[in-house]
Amino acid sequence: MIFEKFPELKTLDNEGRLILARELCDQAIAEVASHESLSGEAITIIEERVAAFLRDPNSGISWEELKKQRPDEG
């Protein structure tokens, strides 16, 4: 998990974590958007999912949990 690799992140309060999440998402979206193989529709879906997560960060699950649910796809 990220917190184990970067223990200083544990010192962030909720607002700091949300700011970090937003910055990371913005950077990821910009990187993804630079790939010509993604359609505008795919980028819109990604942006909507990021916005939903930022509205309710507890609504999601970790990558590790997703892999446990779908071990044949991970």
C-alpha atoms as a PDB file:
ATOM      1  CA  MET A   1       0.000   0.000   0.000  1.00  0.00           C
ATOM      2  CA  ILE A   2       1.087   3.556  -0.609  1.00  0.00           C
ATOM      3  CA  PHE A   3       1.091   4.550   3.084  1.00  0.00           C
ATOM      4  CA  GLU A   4       3.629   1.830   3.811  1.00  0.00           C
ATOM      5  CA  LYS A   5       5.924   3.109   1.064  1.00  0.00           C
ATOM      6  CA  PHE A   6       5.453   6.758   2.044  1.00  0.00           C
ATOM      7  CA  PRO A   7       4.760   6.835   5.807  1.00  0.00           C
ATOM      8  CA  GLU A   8       4.825  10.641   5.892  1.00  0.00           C
ATOM      9  CA  LEU A   9       1.453  10.588   4.094  1.00  0.00           C
ATOM     10  CA  LYS A  10      -0.120   9.306   7.310  1.00  0.00           C
ATOM     11  CA  THR A  11       0.471  12.744   8.821  1.00  0.00           C
ATOM     12  CA  LEU A  12      -1.887  14.412   6.334  1.00  0.00           C
ATOM     13  CA  ASP A  13      -5.298  15.406   7.625  1.00  0.00           C
ATOM     14  CA  ASN A  14      -8.413  14.618   5.576  1.00  0.00           C
ATOM     15  CA  GLU A  15      -8.226  17.888   3.673  1.00  0.00           C
ATOM     16  CA  GLY A  16      -4.598  17.244   2.773  1.00  0.00           C
ATOM     17  CA  ARG A  17      -5.432  13.716   1.606  1.00  0.00           C
ATOM     18  CA  LEU A  18      -8.242  15.023  -0.588  1.00  0.00           C
ATOM     19  CA  ILE A  19      -5.949  17.652  -2.076  1.00  0.00           C
ATOM     20  CA  LEU A  20      -3.315  14.991  -2.738  1.00  0.00           C
ATOM     21  CA  ALA A  21      -5.939  12.684  -4.274  1.00  0.00           C
ATOM     22  CA  ARG A  22      -7.155  15.484  -6.540  1.00  0.00           C
ATOM     23  CA  GLU A  23      -3.626  16.356  -7.659  1.00  0.00           C
ATOM     24  CA  LEU A  24      -2.819  12.720  -8.362  1.00  0.00           C
ATOM     25  CA  CYS A  25      -6.068  12.249 -10.278  1.00  0.00           C
ATOM     26  CA  ASP A  26      -5.529  15.419 -12.292  1.00  0.00           C
ATOM     27  CA  GLN A  27      -2.039  14.270 -13.220  1.00  0.00           C
ATOM     28  CA  ALA A  28      -3.253  10.782 -14.135  1.00  0.00           C
ATOM     29  CA  ILE A  29      -6.107  12.182 -16.232  1.00  0.00           C
ATOM     30  CA  ALA A  30      -3.730  14.518 -18.063  1.00  0.00           C
ATOM     31  CA  GLU A  31      -1.400  11.612 -18.768  1.00  0.00           C
ATOM     32  CA  VAL A  32      -4.232   9.368 -19.915  1.00  0.00           C
ATOM     33  CA  ALA A  33      -5.705  12.129 -22.042  1.00  0.00           C
ATOM     34  CA  SER A  34      -2.412  12.515 -23.860  1.00  0.00           C
ATOM     35  CA  HIS A  35      -2.769   9.007 -25.289  1.00  0.00           C
ATOM     36  CA  GLU A  36      -4.525   9.228 -28.622  1.00  0.00           C
ATOM     37  CA  SER A  37      -6.063   5.766 -28.196  1.00  0.00           C
ATOM     38  CA  LEU A  38      -8.541   7.020 -25.583  1.00  0.00           C
ATOM     39  CA  SER A  39     -11.780   8.488 -26.824  1.00  0.00           C
ATOM     40  CA  GLY A  40     -13.316  11.634 -25.449  1.00  0.00           C
ATOM     41  CA  GLU A  41     -16.056   9.434 -23.994  1.00  0.00           C
ATOM     42  CA  ALA A  42     -13.502   7.343 -22.065  1.00  0.00           C
ATOM     43  CA  ILE A  43     -11.880  10.469 -20.679  1.00  0.00           C
ATOM     44  CA  THR A  44     -15.296  11.801 -19.620  1.00  0.00           C
ATOM     45  CA  ILE A  45     -16.061   8.543 -17.784  1.00  0.00           C
ATOM     46  CA  ILE A  46     -12.706   8.680 -15.993  1.00  0.00           C
ATOM     47  CA  GLU A  47     -13.301  12.296 -14.959  1.00  0.00           C
ATOM     48  CA  GLU A  48     -16.814  11.454 -13.683  1.00  0.00           C
ATOM     49  CA  ARG A  49     -15.471   8.570 -11.600  1.00  0.00           C
ATOM     50  CA  VAL A  50     -12.726  10.735 -10.120  1.00  0.00           C
ATOM     51  CA  ALA A  51     -15.272  13.427  -9.246  1.00  0.00           C
ATOM     52  CA  ALA A  52     -17.524  10.816  -7.592  1.00  0.00           C
ATOM     53  CA  PHE A  53     -14.592   9.526  -5.567  1.00  0.00           C
ATOM     54  CA  LEU A  54     -13.625  13.015  -4.458  1.00  0.00           C
ATOM     55  CA  ARG A  55     -17.200  13.674  -3.327  1.00  0.00           C
ATOM     56  CA  ASP A  56     -17.172  10.465  -1.247  1.00  0.00           C
ATOM     57  CA  PRO A  57     -13.680   8.955  -0.837  1.00  0.00           C
ATOM     58  CA  ASN A  58     -15.051   6.162   1.353  1.00  0.00           C
ATOM     59  CA  SER A  59     -17.247   4.898  -1.474  1.00  0.00           C
ATOM     60  CA  GLY A  60     -14.387   3.150  -3.227  1.00  0.00           C
ATOM     61  CA  ILE A  61     -12.241   0.140  -2.473  1.00  0.00           C
ATOM     62  CA  SER A  62      -8.511  -0.343  -2.684  1.00  0.00           C
ATOM     63  CA  TRP A  63      -6.815  -1.962  -5.652  1.00  0.00           C
ATOM     64  CA  GLU A  64      -5.908  -4.868  -3.372  1.00  0.00           C
ATOM     65  CA  GLU A  65      -9.569  -5.402  -2.457  1.00  0.00           C
ATOM     66  CA  LEU A  66     -10.578  -5.312  -6.113  1.00  0.00           C
ATOM     67  CA  LYS A  67      -7.943  -7.920  -6.952  1.00  0.00           C
ATOM     68  CA  LYS A  68      -9.280 -10.141  -4.148  1.00  0.00           C
ATOM     69  CA  GLN A  69     -12.788  -9.879  -5.639  1.00  0.00           C
ATOM     70  CA  ARG A  70     -11.553 -10.670  -9.150  1.00  0.00           C
ATOM     71  CA  PRO A  71      -8.418 -12.800  -8.813  1.00  0.00           C
ATOM     72  CA  ASP A  72      -8.698 -14.153 -12.361  1.00  0.00           C
ATOM     73  CA  GLU A  73      -8.490 -10.626 -13.796  1.00  0.00           C
ATOM     74  CA  GLY A  74      -5.688  -9.251 -11.646  1.00  0.00           C
END
